[in-house]
Amino acid sequence: MFANEFAESDQKILLDFLNQNKTLIISDILKGRGQFAAEWMLVILKIDNKKIDWALKPINFVLNHYGNGDVKITDKGSFKISRITMQRKGGDGGRATVNMLQFKINPCEIITKN
């Protein structure tokens, strides 16, 4: 099911949960935990095998950039957690992974962000 197919009361419960845990969710997605937690993010923009631009940013900058914003349900039924889209994984031809979530960001945003 898509989020906009849930009952309004269930949508509110999900939105409240995501709002209460937003910082931890975003940190887990972008930084990770433990010994191998990321401290930096490197993004290189290449078009037609030519390097156009790049950015190396501290992970706290990245967390702030992608974490500043509201939690909401999109018109297509996915969740938007600030600048991160959370949606159900699809297109797996019926495999069990269709029950997983995927998180999407636009990494090029930090190239242009000062």
PDB file of N, CA and C in Angstrom:
ATOM      1  N   MET A   1       0.836  -1.192   0.000  1.00  0.00           N
ATOM      2  CA  MET A   1       0.000   0.000   0.000  1.00  0.00           C
ATOM      3  C   MET A   1       0.874   1.246   0.000  1.00  0.00           C
ATOM      4  N   PHE A   2       0.344   2.285  -0.555  1.00  0.00           N
ATOM      5  CA  PHE A   2       0.983   3.587  -0.485  1.00  0.00           C
ATOM      6  C   PHE A   2       0.432   4.326   0.734  1.00  0.00           C
ATOM      7  N   ALA A   3       1.196   5.272   1.238  1.00  0.00           N
ATOM      8  CA  ALA A   3       0.815   5.970   2.463  1.00  0.00           C
ATOM      9  C   ALA A   3      -0.507   6.711   2.319  1.00  0.00           C
ATOM     10  N   ASN A   4      -0.784   7.243   1.132  1.00  0.00           N
ATOM     11  CA  ASN A   4      -2.039   7.987   0.962  1.00  0.00           C
ATOM     12  C   ASN A   4      -3.253   7.052   0.835  1.00  0.00           C
ATOM     13  N   GLU A   5      -3.012   5.722   0.839  1.00  0.00           N
ATOM     14  CA  GLU A   5      -4.104   4.757   0.836  1.00  0.00           C
ATOM     15  C   GLU A   5      -4.484   4.324   2.254  1.00  0.00           C
ATOM     16  N   PHE A   6      -3.690   4.711   3.258  1.00  0.00           N
ATOM     17  CA  PHE A   6      -3.990   4.385   4.649  1.00  0.00           C
ATOM     18  C   PHE A   6      -5.137   5.265   5.130  1.00  0.00           C
ATOM     19  N   ALA A   7      -5.797   4.819   6.177  1.00  0.00           N
ATOM     20  CA  ALA A   7      -6.804   5.648   6.831  1.00  0.00           C
ATOM     21  C   ALA A   7      -6.110   6.884   7.404  1.00  0.00           C
ATOM     22  N   GLU A   8      -6.836   7.980   7.503  1.00  0.00           N
ATOM     23  CA  GLU A   8      -6.236   9.232   7.994  1.00  0.00           C
ATOM     24  C   GLU A   8      -5.645   9.066   9.391  1.00  0.00           C
ATOM     25  N   SER A   9      -6.293   8.267  10.229  1.00  0.00           N
ATOM     26  CA  SER A   9      -5.756   8.056  11.586  1.00  0.00           C
ATOM     27  C   SER A   9      -4.419   7.317  11.529  1.00  0.00           C
ATOM     28  N   ASP A  10      -4.285   6.346  10.624  1.00  0.00           N
ATOM     29  CA  ASP A  10      -3.022   5.627  10.467  1.00  0.00           C
ATOM     30  C   ASP A  10      -1.944   6.523   9.866  1.00  0.00           C
ATOM     31  N   GLN A  11      -2.326   7.390   8.935  1.00  0.00           N
ATOM     32  CA  GLN A  11      -1.379   8.349   8.367  1.00  0.00           C
ATOM     33  C   GLN A  11      -0.827   9.244   9.469  1.00  0.00           C
ATOM     34  N   LYS A  12      -1.710   9.695  10.363  1.00  0.00           N
ATOM     35  CA  LYS A  12      -1.269  10.563  11.456  1.00  0.00           C
ATOM     36  C   LYS A  12      -0.303   9.822  12.378  1.00  0.00           C
ATOM     37  N   ILE A  13      -0.591   8.562  12.680  1.00  0.00           N
ATOM     38  CA  ILE A  13       0.295   7.760  13.536  1.00  0.00           C
ATOM     39  C   ILE A  13       1.670   7.633  12.890  1.00  0.00           C
ATOM     40  N   LEU A  14       1.702   7.334  11.600  1.00  0.00           N
ATOM     41  CA  LEU A  14       2.980   7.208  10.880  1.00  0.00           C
ATOM     42  C   LEU A  14       3.743   8.529  10.839  1.00  0.00           C
ATOM     43  N   LEU A  15       3.043   9.606  10.540  1.00  0.00           N
ATOM     44  CA  LEU A  15       3.693  10.919  10.492  1.00  0.00           C
ATOM     45  C   LEU A  15       4.232  11.313  11.858  1.00  0.00           C
ATOM     46  N   ASP A  16       3.474  11.043  12.918  1.00  0.00           N
ATOM     47  CA  ASP A  16       3.944  11.343  14.275  1.00  0.00           C
ATOM     48  C   ASP A  16       5.200  10.539  14.600  1.00  0.00           C
ATOM     49  N   PHE A  17       5.199   9.237  14.252  1.00  0.00           N
ATOM     50  CA  PHE A  17       6.375   8.399  14.495  1.00  0.00           C
ATOM     51  C   PHE A  17       7.594   8.936  13.740  1.00  0.00           C
ATOM     52  N   LEU A  18       7.416   9.264  12.475  1.00  0.00           N
ATOM     53  CA  LEU A  18       8.543   9.768  11.677  1.00  0.00           C
ATOM     54  C   LEU A  18       9.044  11.110  12.209  1.00  0.00           C
ATOM     55  N   ASN A  19       8.124  11.973  12.641  1.00  0.00           N
ATOM     56  CA  ASN A  19       8.532  13.265  13.216  1.00  0.00           C
ATOM     57  C   ASN A  19       9.315  13.077  14.507  1.00  0.00           C
ATOM     58  N   GLN A  20       8.877  12.158  15.357  1.00  0.00           N
ATOM     59  CA  GLN A  20       9.547  11.930  16.633  1.00  0.00           C
ATOM     60  C   GLN A  20      10.928  11.302  16.448  1.00  0.00           C
ATOM     61  N   ASN A  21      11.114  10.541  15.378  1.00  0.00           N
ATOM     62  CA  ASN A  21      12.368   9.817  15.156  1.00  0.00           C
ATOM     63  C   ASN A  21      13.159  10.334  13.957  1.00  0.00           C
ATOM     64  N   LYS A  22      12.804  11.510  13.474  1.00  0.00           N
ATOM     65  CA  LYS A  22      13.404  12.061  12.248  1.00  0.00           C
ATOM     66  C   LYS A  22      14.920  12.160  12.332  1.00  0.00           C
ATOM     67  N   THR A  23      15.441  12.686  13.408  1.00  0.00           N
ATOM     68  CA  THR A  23      16.888  12.869  13.536  1.00  0.00           C
ATOM     69  C   THR A  23      17.623  11.532  13.484  1.00  0.00           C
ATOM     70  N   LEU A  24      17.132  10.553  14.202  1.00  0.00           N
ATOM     71  CA  LEU A  24      17.758   9.225  14.217  1.00  0.00           C
ATOM     72  C   LEU A  24      17.653   8.551  12.852  1.00  0.00           C
ATOM     73  N   ILE A  25      16.504   8.659  12.209  1.00  0.00           N
ATOM     74  CA  ILE A  25      16.314   8.048  10.893  1.00  0.00           C
ATOM     75  C   ILE A  25      17.286   8.646   9.882  1.00  0.00           C
ATOM     76  N   ILE A  26      17.367   9.966   9.837  1.00  0.00           N
ATOM     77  CA  ILE A  26      18.247  10.630   8.874  1.00  0.00           C
ATOM     78  C   ILE A  26      19.703  10.304   9.161  1.00  0.00           C
ATOM     79  N   SER A  27      20.071  10.271  10.431  1.00  0.00           N
ATOM     80  CA  SER A  27      21.440   9.916  10.797  1.00  0.00           C
ATOM     81  C   SER A  27      21.775   8.484  10.377  1.00  0.00           C
ATOM     82  N   ASP A  28      20.854   7.563  10.607  1.00  0.00           N
ATOM     83  CA  ASP A  28      21.084   6.166  10.217  1.00  0.00           C
ATOM     84  C   ASP A  28      21.226   6.022   8.702  1.00  0.00           C
ATOM     85  N   ILE A  29      20.416   6.753   7.952  1.00  0.00           N
ATOM     86  CA  ILE A  29      20.458   6.656   6.492  1.00  0.00           C
ATOM     87  C   ILE A  29      21.770   7.213   5.937  1.00  0.00           C
ATOM     88  N   LEU A  30      22.161   8.386   6.408  1.00  0.00           N
ATOM     89  CA  LEU A  30      23.299   9.084   5.799  1.00  0.00           C
ATOM     90  C   LEU A  30      24.639   8.806   6.474  1.00  0.00           C
ATOM     91  N   LYS A  31      24.618   8.594   7.766  1.00  0.00           N
ATOM     92  CA  LYS A  31      25.866   8.466   8.518  1.00  0.00           C
ATOM     93  C   LYS A  31      26.158   7.028   8.928  1.00  0.00           C
ATOM     94  N   GLY A  32      25.125   6.335   9.359  1.00  0.00           N
ATOM     95  CA  GLY A  32      25.322   4.993   9.900  1.00  0.00           C
ATOM     96  C   GLY A  32      25.673   5.066  11.370  1.00  0.00           C
ATOM     97  N   ARG A  33      26.035   3.910  11.929  1.00  0.00           N
ATOM     98  CA  ARG A  33      26.362   3.852  13.355  1.00  0.00           C
ATOM     99  C   ARG A  33      27.626   3.042  13.561  1.00  0.00           C
ATOM    100  N   GLY A  34      28.207   3.241  14.726  1.00  0.00           N
ATOM    101  CA  GLY A  34      29.316   2.409  15.151  1.00  0.00           C
ATOM    102  C   GLY A  34      30.653   2.792  14.548  1.00  0.00           C
ATOM    103  N   GLN A  35      31.524   1.831  14.505  1.00  0.00           N
ATOM    104  CA  GLN A  35      32.913   2.037  14.109  1.00  0.00           C
ATOM    105  C   GLN A  35      33.045   2.594  12.685  1.00  0.00           C
ATOM    106  N   PHE A  36      32.138   2.212  11.812  1.00  0.00           N
ATOM    107  CA  PHE A  36      32.264   2.614  10.416  1.00  0.00           C
ATOM    108  C   PHE A  36      31.313   3.750  10.023  1.00  0.00           C
ATOM    109  N   ALA A  37      30.840   4.512  10.992  1.00  0.00           N
ATOM    110  CA  ALA A  37      29.971   5.646  10.706  1.00  0.00           C
ATOM    111  C   ALA A  37      30.733   6.673   9.866  1.00  0.00           C
ATOM    112  N   ALA A  38      30.058   7.219   8.883  1.00  0.00           N
ATOM    113  CA  ALA A  38      30.679   8.186   7.973  1.00  0.00           C
ATOM    114  C   ALA A  38      30.958   9.507   8.690  1.00  0.00           C
ATOM    115  N   GLU A  39      32.070  10.124   8.333  1.00  0.00           N
ATOM    116  CA  GLU A  39      32.397  11.451   8.855  1.00  0.00           C
ATOM    117  C   GLU A  39      32.363  12.512   7.760  1.00  0.00           C
ATOM    118  N   TRP A  40      32.389  12.089   6.504  1.00  0.00           N
ATOM    119  CA  TRP A  40      32.396  12.988   5.360  1.00  0.00           C
ATOM    120  C   TRP A  40      31.517  12.410   4.252  1.00  0.00           C
ATOM    121  N   MET A  41      31.056  13.280   3.349  1.00  0.00           N
ATOM    122  CA  MET A  41      30.377  12.819   2.137  1.00  0.00           C
ATOM    123  C   MET A  41      31.054  13.473   0.937  1.00  0.00           C
ATOM    124  N   LEU A  42      31.432  12.643  -0.016  1.00  0.00           N
ATOM    125  CA  LEU A  42      32.043  13.105  -1.262  1.00  0.00           C
ATOM    126  C   LEU A  42      31.057  12.882  -2.386  1.00  0.00           C
ATOM    127  N   VAL A  43      30.798  13.933  -3.148  1.00  0.00           N
ATOM    128  CA  VAL A  43      29.921  13.849  -4.313  1.00  0.00           C
ATOM    129  C   VAL A  43      30.691  14.407  -5.505  1.00  0.00           C
ATOM    130  N   ILE A  44      30.720  13.635  -6.585  1.00  0.00           N
ATOM    131  CA  ILE A  44      31.368  14.070  -7.821  1.00  0.00           C
ATOM    132  C   ILE A  44      30.323  14.028  -8.923  1.00  0.00           C
ATOM    133  N   LEU A  45      30.137  15.139  -9.595  1.00  0.00           N
ATOM    134  CA  LEU A  45      29.191  15.226 -10.699  1.00  0.00           C
ATOM    135  C   LEU A  45      29.943  15.022 -12.004  1.00  0.00           C
ATOM    136  N   LYS A  46      29.602  13.955 -12.719  1.00  0.00           N
ATOM    137  CA  LYS A  46      30.231  13.664 -13.998  1.00  0.00           C
ATOM    138  C   LYS A  46      29.154  13.585 -15.070  1.00  0.00           C
ATOM    139  N   ILE A  47      29.377  14.261 -16.168  1.00  0.00           N
ATOM    140  CA  ILE A  47      28.482  14.197 -17.315  1.00  0.00           C
ATOM    141  C   ILE A  47      29.322  13.830 -18.522  1.00  0.00           C
ATOM    142  N   ASP A  48      28.932  12.767 -19.209  1.00  0.00           N
ATOM    143  CA  ASP A  48      29.674  12.278 -20.370  1.00  0.00           C
ATOM    144  C   ASP A  48      31.144  12.021 -20.035  1.00  0.00           C
ATOM    145  N   ASN A  49      31.382  11.379 -18.881  1.00  0.00           N
ATOM    146  CA  ASN A  49      32.730  11.022 -18.419  1.00  0.00           C
ATOM    147  C   ASN A  49      33.650  12.214 -18.186  1.00  0.00           C
ATOM    148  N   LYS A  50      33.102  13.400 -18.062  1.00  0.00           N
ATOM    149  CA  LYS A  50      33.891  14.592 -17.750  1.00  0.00           C
ATOM    150  C   LYS A  50      33.459  15.093 -16.385  1.00  0.00           C
ATOM    151  N   LYS A  51      34.427  15.260 -15.486  1.00  0.00           N
ATOM    152  CA  LYS A  51      34.119  15.776 -14.147  1.00  0.00           C
ATOM    153  C   LYS A  51      33.681  17.223 -14.279  1.00  0.00           C
ATOM    154  N   ILE A  52      32.506  17.517 -13.774  1.00  0.00           N
ATOM    155  CA  ILE A  52      31.960  18.863 -13.847  1.00  0.00           C
ATOM    156  C   ILE A  52      32.210  19.632 -12.553  1.00  0.00           C
ATOM    157  N   ASP A  53      31.923  18.990 -11.426  1.00  0.00           N
ATOM    158  CA  ASP A  53      32.059  19.653 -10.135  1.00  0.00           C
ATOM    159  C   ASP A  53      32.117  18.581  -9.053  1.00  0.00           C
ATOM    160  N   TRP A  54      32.522  18.984  -7.863  1.00  0.00           N
ATOM    161  CA  TRP A  54      32.604  18.042  -6.757  1.00  0.00           C
ATOM    162  C   TRP A  54      32.457  18.792  -5.449  1.00  0.00           C
ATOM    163  N   ALA A  55      32.154  18.038  -4.385  1.00  0.00           N
ATOM    164  CA  ALA A  55      32.063  18.608  -3.036  1.00  0.00           C
ATOM    165  C   ALA A  55      32.436  17.536  -2.024  1.00  0.00           C
ATOM    166  N   LEU A  56      33.216  17.926  -1.053  1.00  0.00           N
ATOM    167  CA  LEU A  56      33.537  17.084   0.099  1.00  0.00           C
ATOM    168  C   LEU A  56      33.048  17.843   1.323  1.00  0.00           C
ATOM    169  N   LYS A  57      32.025  17.292   1.975  1.00  0.00           N
ATOM    170  CA  LYS A  57      31.391  18.002   3.092  1.00  0.00           C
ATOM    171  C   LYS A  57      31.430  17.143   4.354  1.00  0.00           C
ATOM    172  N   PRO A  58      31.605  17.782   5.508  1.00  0.00           N
ATOM    173  CA  PRO A  58      31.510  17.045   6.774  1.00  0.00           C
ATOM    174  C   PRO A  58      30.095  16.486   6.949  1.00  0.00           C
ATOM    175  N   ILE A  59      29.994  15.339   7.582  1.00  0.00           N
ATOM    176  CA  ILE A  59      28.703  14.662   7.696  1.00  0.00           C
ATOM    177  C   ILE A  59      27.678  15.511   8.452  1.00  0.00           C
ATOM    178  N   ASN A  60      28.105  16.342   9.415  1.00  0.00           N
ATOM    179  CA  ASN A  60      27.136  17.190  10.125  1.00  0.00           C
ATOM    180  C   ASN A  60      26.505  18.212   9.189  1.00  0.00           C
ATOM    181  N   PHE A  61      27.270  18.735   8.243  1.00  0.00           N
ATOM    182  CA  PHE A  61      26.713  19.636   7.227  1.00  0.00           C
ATOM    183  C   PHE A  61      25.661  18.901   6.405  1.00  0.00           C
ATOM    184  N   VAL A  62      26.001  17.679   5.992  1.00  0.00           N
ATOM    185  CA  VAL A  62      25.095  16.870   5.168  1.00  0.00           C
ATOM    186  C   VAL A  62      23.816  16.537   5.943  1.00  0.00           C
ATOM    187  N   LEU A  63      23.965  16.144   7.210  1.00  0.00           N
ATOM    188  CA  LEU A  63      22.793  15.832   8.036  1.00  0.00           C
ATOM    189  C   LEU A  63      21.894  17.047   8.187  1.00  0.00           C
ATOM    190  N   ASN A  64      22.483  18.212   8.401  1.00  0.00           N
ATOM    191  CA  ASN A  64      21.686  19.436   8.517  1.00  0.00           C
ATOM    192  C   ASN A  64      20.984  19.766   7.208  1.00  0.00           C
ATOM    193  N   HIS A  65      21.697  19.613   6.108  1.00  0.00           N
ATOM    194  CA  HIS A  65      21.110  19.937   4.803  1.00  0.00           C
ATOM    195  C   HIS A  65      19.906  19.046   4.506  1.00  0.00           C
ATOM    196  N   TYR A  66      20.080  17.734   4.619  1.00  0.00           N
ATOM    197  CA  TYR A  66      19.004  16.812   4.273  1.00  0.00           C
ATOM    198  C   TYR A  66      17.971  16.666   5.381  1.00  0.00           C
ATOM    199  N   GLY A  67      18.275  17.124   6.589  1.00  0.00           N
ATOM    200  CA  GLY A  67      17.370  16.949   7.711  1.00  0.00           C
ATOM    201  C   GLY A  67      16.512  18.141   8.041  1.00  0.00           C
ATOM    202  N   ASN A  68      16.757  19.288   7.434  1.00  0.00           N
ATOM    203  CA  ASN A  68      15.960  20.480   7.730  1.00  0.00           C
ATOM    204  C   ASN A  68      14.730  20.516   6.840  1.00  0.00           C
ATOM    205  N   GLY A  69      13.597  20.252   7.417  1.00  0.00           N
ATOM    206  CA  GLY A  69      12.350  20.267   6.661  1.00  0.00           C
ATOM    207  C   GLY A  69      11.291  19.456   7.383  1.00  0.00           C
ATOM    208  N   ASP A  70      10.125  19.444   6.797  1.00  0.00           N
ATOM    209  CA  ASP A  70       8.978  18.779   7.405  1.00  0.00           C
ATOM    210  C   ASP A  70       8.875  17.331   6.944  1.00  0.00           C
ATOM    211  N   VAL A  71       8.114  16.561   7.686  1.00  0.00           N
ATOM    212  CA  VAL A  71       7.754  15.197   7.296  1.00  0.00           C
ATOM    213  C   VAL A  71       6.341  15.267   6.732  1.00  0.00           C
ATOM    214  N   LYS A  72       6.161  14.707   5.531  1.00  0.00           N
ATOM    215  CA  LYS A  72       4.836  14.761   4.902  1.00  0.00           C
ATOM    216  C   LYS A  72       4.655  13.582   3.958  1.00  0.00           C
ATOM    217  N   ILE A  73       3.427  13.404   3.518  1.00  0.00           N
ATOM    218  CA  ILE A  73       3.099  12.378   2.538  1.00  0.00           C
ATOM    219  C   ILE A  73       3.000  13.063   1.182  1.00  0.00           C
ATOM    220  N   THR A  74       3.688  12.500   0.181  1.00  0.00           N
ATOM    221  CA  THR A  74       3.681  13.091  -1.149  1.00  0.00           C
ATOM    222  C   THR A  74       2.392  12.728  -1.884  1.00  0.00           C
ATOM    223  N   ASP A  75       2.168  13.383  -3.011  1.00  0.00           N
ATOM    224  CA  ASP A  75       0.994  13.096  -3.833  1.00  0.00           C
ATOM    225  C   ASP A  75       0.987  11.658  -4.349  1.00  0.00           C
ATOM    226  N   LYS A  76       2.170  11.063  -4.496  1.00  0.00           N
ATOM    227  CA  LYS A  76       2.274   9.690  -5.007  1.00  0.00           C
ATOM    228  C   LYS A  76       2.231   8.637  -3.903  1.00  0.00           C
ATOM    229  N   GLY A  77       2.087   9.070  -2.650  1.00  0.00           N
ATOM    230  CA  GLY A  77       1.926   8.129  -1.551  1.00  0.00           C
ATOM    231  C   GLY A  77       3.201   7.720  -0.851  1.00  0.00           C
ATOM    232  N   SER A  78       4.298   8.405  -1.128  1.00  0.00           N
ATOM    233  CA  SER A  78       5.543   8.157  -0.417  1.00  0.00           C
ATOM    234  C   SER A  78       5.656   9.149   0.734  1.00  0.00           C
ATOM    235  N   PHE A  79       6.637   8.932   1.584  1.00  0.00           N
ATOM    236  CA  PHE A  79       6.905   9.882   2.660  1.00  0.00           C
ATOM    237  C   PHE A  79       8.084  10.744   2.265  1.00  0.00           C
ATOM    238  N   LYS A  80       8.009  12.003   2.611  1.00  0.00           N
ATOM    239  CA  LYS A  80       9.122  12.920   2.438  1.00  0.00           C
ATOM    240  C   LYS A  80       9.584  13.283   3.840  1.00  0.00           C
ATOM    241  N   ILE A  81      10.796  12.849   4.193  1.00  0.00           N
ATOM    242  CA  ILE A  81      11.384  13.172   5.487  1.00  0.00           C
ATOM    243  C   ILE A  81      12.405  14.259   5.203  1.00  0.00           C
ATOM    244  N   SER A  82      11.968  15.497   5.344  1.00  0.00           N
ATOM    245  CA  SER A  82      12.779  16.656   4.963  1.00  0.00           C
ATOM    246  C   SER A  82      13.111  16.547   3.477  1.00  0.00           C
ATOM    247  N   ARG A  83      14.386  16.360   3.114  1.00  0.00           N
ATOM    248  CA  ARG A  83      14.772  16.261   1.699  1.00  0.00           C
ATOM    249  C   ARG A  83      15.008  14.818   1.251  1.00  0.00           C
ATOM    250  N   ILE A  84      14.563  13.867   2.057  1.00  0.00           N
ATOM    251  CA  ILE A  84      14.756  12.454   1.755  1.00  0.00           C
ATOM    252  C   ILE A  84      13.397  11.825   1.461  1.00  0.00           C
ATOM    253  N   THR A  85      13.302  11.128   0.339  1.00  0.00           N
ATOM    254  CA  THR A  85      12.075  10.426  -0.001  1.00  0.00           C
ATOM    255  C   THR A  85      12.175   8.990   0.496  1.00  0.00           C
ATOM    256  N   MET A  86      11.151   8.546   1.205  1.00  0.00           N
ATOM    257  CA  MET A  86      11.075   7.170   1.678  1.00  0.00           C
ATOM    258  C   MET A  86       9.892   6.527   0.973  1.00  0.00           C
ATOM    259  N   GLN A  87      10.160   5.416   0.296  1.00  0.00           N
ATOM    260  CA  GLN A  87       9.078   4.741  -0.408  1.00  0.00           C
ATOM    261  C   GLN A  87       9.269   3.242  -0.342  1.00  0.00           C
ATOM    262  N   ARG A  88       8.200   2.524  -0.625  1.00  0.00           N
ATOM    263  CA  ARG A  88       8.315   1.069  -0.656  1.00  0.00           C
ATOM    264  C   ARG A  88       9.087   0.684  -1.898  1.00  0.00           C
ATOM    265  N   LYS A  89       9.878  -0.363  -1.760  1.00  0.00           N
ATOM    266  CA  LYS A  89      10.672  -0.835  -2.885  1.00  0.00           C
ATOM    267  C   LYS A  89       9.746  -1.612  -3.808  1.00  0.00           C
ATOM    268  N   GLY A  90       9.906  -1.429  -5.075  1.00  0.00           N
ATOM    269  CA  GLY A  90       9.058  -2.132  -6.030  1.00  0.00           C
ATOM    270  C   GLY A  90       9.868  -2.647  -7.200  1.00  0.00           C
ATOM    271  N   GLY A  91       9.176  -3.252  -8.132  1.00  0.00           N
ATOM    272  CA  GLY A  91       9.822  -3.704  -9.354  1.00  0.00           C
ATOM    273  C   GLY A  91      10.732  -4.894  -9.192  1.00  0.00           C
ATOM    274  N   ASP A  92      10.471  -5.732  -8.201  1.00  0.00           N
ATOM    275  CA  ASP A  92      11.338  -6.887  -7.955  1.00  0.00           C
ATOM    276  C   ASP A  92      10.745  -8.192  -8.462  1.00  0.00           C
ATOM    277  N   GLY A  93       9.721  -8.135  -9.261  1.00  0.00           N
ATOM    278  CA  GLY A  93       9.149  -9.340  -9.827  1.00  0.00           C
ATOM    279  C   GLY A  93       8.607 -10.304  -8.786  1.00  0.00           C
ATOM    280  N   GLY A  94       8.056  -9.792  -7.696  1.00  0.00           N
ATOM    281  CA  GLY A  94       7.448 -10.638  -6.683  1.00  0.00           C
ATOM    282  C   GLY A  94       8.382 -11.167  -5.617  1.00  0.00           C
ATOM    283  N   ARG A  95       9.663 -10.773  -5.648  1.00  0.00           N
ATOM    284  CA  ARG A  95      10.592 -11.243  -4.611  1.00  0.00           C
ATOM    285  C   ARG A  95      10.265 -10.591  -3.273  1.00  0.00           C
ATOM    286  N   ALA A  96      10.784 -11.179  -2.204  1.00  0.00           N
ATOM    287  CA  ALA A  96      10.495 -10.704  -0.840  1.00  0.00           C
ATOM    288  C   ALA A  96      11.004  -9.286  -0.606  1.00  0.00           C
ATOM    289  N   THR A  97      11.970  -8.827  -1.384  1.00  0.00           N
ATOM    290  CA  THR A  97      12.511  -7.477  -1.186  1.00  0.00           C
ATOM    291  C   THR A  97      11.482  -6.389  -1.481  1.00  0.00           C
ATOM    292  N   VAL A  98      10.373  -6.740  -2.090  1.00  0.00           N
ATOM    293  CA  VAL A  98       9.331  -5.750  -2.343  1.00  0.00           C
ATOM    294  C   VAL A  98       8.756  -5.219  -1.025  1.00  0.00           C
ATOM    295  N   ASN A  99       8.978  -5.912   0.072  1.00  0.00           N
ATOM    296  CA  ASN A  99       8.496  -5.478   1.388  1.00  0.00           C
ATOM    297  C   ASN A  99       9.457  -4.516   2.082  1.00  0.00           C
ATOM    298  N   MET A 100      10.556  -4.187   1.439  1.00  0.00           N
ATOM    299  CA  MET A 100      11.544  -3.286   2.030  1.00  0.00           C
ATOM    300  C   MET A 100      11.240  -1.831   1.671  1.00  0.00           C
ATOM    301  N   LEU A 101      11.945  -0.943   2.361  1.00  0.00           N
ATOM    302  CA  LEU A 101      11.850   0.482   2.061  1.00  0.00           C
ATOM    303  C   LEU A 101      13.114   0.927   1.336  1.00  0.00           C
ATOM    304  N   GLN A 102      12.980   1.965   0.536  1.00  0.00           N
ATOM    305  CA  GLN A 102      14.167   2.590  -0.039  1.00  0.00           C
ATOM    306  C   GLN A 102      14.109   4.084   0.234  1.00  0.00           C
ATOM    307  N   PHE A 103      15.294   4.664   0.383  1.00  0.00           N
ATOM    308  CA  PHE A 103      15.428   6.078   0.697  1.00  0.00           C
ATOM    309  C   PHE A 103      16.193   6.732  -0.439  1.00  0.00           C
ATOM    310  N   LYS A 104      15.692   7.864  -0.900  1.00  0.00           N
ATOM    311  CA  LYS A 104      16.305   8.537  -2.039  1.00  0.00           C
ATOM    312  C   LYS A 104      16.679   9.964  -1.678  1.00  0.00           C
ATOM    313  N   ILE A 105      17.880  10.353  -2.105  1.00  0.00           N
ATOM    314  CA  ILE A 105      18.341  11.737  -1.952  1.00  0.00           C
ATOM    315  C   ILE A 105      18.871  12.190  -3.299  1.00  0.00           C
ATOM    316  N   ASN A 106      19.010  13.487  -3.444  1.00  0.00           N
ATOM    317  CA  ASN A 106      19.700  14.049  -4.609  1.00  0.00           C
ATOM    318  C   ASN A 106      21.047  14.538  -4.099  1.00  0.00           C
ATOM    319  N   PRO A 107      22.127  13.755  -4.304  1.00  0.00           N
ATOM    320  CA  PRO A 107      23.432  14.132  -3.756  1.00  0.00           C
ATOM    321  C   PRO A 107      23.982  15.413  -4.359  1.00  0.00           C
ATOM    322  N   CYS A 108      23.547  15.769  -5.548  1.00  0.00           N
ATOM    323  CA  CYS A 108      24.056  16.989  -6.189  1.00  0.00           C
ATOM    324  C   CYS A 108      23.642  18.255  -5.439  1.00  0.00           C
ATOM    325  N   GLU A 109      22.660  18.150  -4.566  1.00  0.00           N
ATOM    326  CA  GLU A 109      22.242  19.315  -3.783  1.00  0.00           C
ATOM    327  C   GLU A 109      23.376  19.873  -2.944  1.00  0.00           C
ATOM    328  N   ILE A 110      24.263  19.016  -2.440  1.00  0.00           N
ATOM    329  CA  ILE A 110      25.328  19.537  -1.581  1.00  0.00           C
ATOM    330  C   ILE A 110      26.458  20.157  -2.386  1.00  0.00           C
ATOM    331  N   ILE A 111      26.494  19.923  -3.689  1.00  0.00           N
ATOM    332  CA  ILE A 111      27.507  20.574  -4.521  1.00  0.00           C
ATOM    333  C   ILE A 111      27.216  22.065  -4.624  1.00  0.00           C
ATOM    334  N   THR A 112      25.962  22.399  -4.817  1.00  0.00           N
ATOM    335  CA  THR A 112      25.578  23.797  -4.999  1.00  0.00           C
ATOM    336  C   THR A 112      25.301  24.497  -3.691  1.00  0.00           C
ATOM    337  N   LYS A 113      25.135  23.720  -2.607  1.00  0.00           N
ATOM    338  CA  LYS A 113      24.854  24.309  -1.291  1.00  0.00           C
ATOM    339  C   LYS A 113      26.142  24.828  -0.683  1.00  0.00           C
ATOM    340  N   ASN A 114      26.179  26.073  -0.250  1.00  0.00           N
ATOM    341  CA  ASN A 114      27.366  26.651   0.378  1.00  0.00           C
ATOM    342  C   ASN A 114      27.478  26.304   1.821  1.00  0.00           C
TER     343      ASN A 114
END
